[in-house]
């Protein structure tokens, strides 16, 4: 039986392993992957490093680095709680935001001070620069509610890093913290709702031992709940001024439609990997639609669709599913990370190949933090 600790580690290291595996093929189209790895895009089934940024095997890209920033925020909150300090969701988000800024400006891991990461998404950079500019001049305190790249910047840069909240928060706090941590860089409603749905799915898989179908249903229920809407608005309200929610319902419908598409019986990650992301499938009315019209811009709902479709395919292993997600092409590191985390929450740490785990830059650190945070509970 897979334990809760194994699922937590599967989720966290699933993000890391999917990220590091996909980094070797970032920005390559499905067609380019097939041409470079005959026959039929048979990419190496190992973490090889390389890619456009010349990563060392197992090195973190921005996906894992920013996941680490949030994980460190939860570690620090646990230490503060042990000391008797009063903690809340906003304080947690401020702490994690400071780690995001540390990643952005340096020093970070093997990078010195005043050095930028090799790979930073445009929305992420804009959000973090705005966060820096809006910091309190008196205290230097940052506020994630006064950042973000704005509506229309709907990349997958917050979805890729949100999983620690699913593992170390719950209830309304899970929603509030997910919202705040997305809004640091990605405050488009689609990004926020995608992160909420994803984290609720992960939480159901890890803590409730839910089936993938029930976990996806829980994610859909969460983003269509009036209570969730109230929590989202409250989390982003500053000095009594609520955010403009005029497009929230429209974006909610778009995220629901994306998840519903991933749930169609004919939507399979293996087909996308073997036949291409534009393979035609039938919707519930029998009409043919493009399975996944990827445009190579890291759209948040593309990554969410791939992850949901992967977790619902219980006939295949973590490795097979993540390899096929990457074979679909385009934003391969982030798609691998998002799917790797969700399927890792389903299958646990032992499902990730040991040879992959041995290469992960932050594998030991993540494991140590998990053991600190969950102790004997799992």
Foldseek 3Di string as FASTA:
>chain_A
DFALLQLLLQQLVLLLLQLQQLQQFAAPALVRQCVVDPDQNPDDLARCAHHPLRGHRQEGALLNQLLVLLLVLLLVVVVCVVVVHDDALFSSLQSSLVSLLCQQQDDDDPRHGRDGGPDDDPLRVQLNVQQQVPQDPVPRGGGLLRGESDAPPFFQSLLSNLQVLLSFHDDLSSLLNLQSNCSSRHNHLLNSLLNQLLSQLLNCCSVVVDQLVVSNVRSLCLLVDPVSVVSNQVSNDDPNRTDDCVCNVVSNVVLSVLLLLLVAPFQALQCCLRVNQQDWDQHPVRDTGRSQPDDLPRRNSSLSSLLSNLSNPPVDALSVSSSSQSSNHRRSSSSSSSNSSSNSSNPGDPSPDPSSLVSHPCSVVVSVSSCVSCPPVD
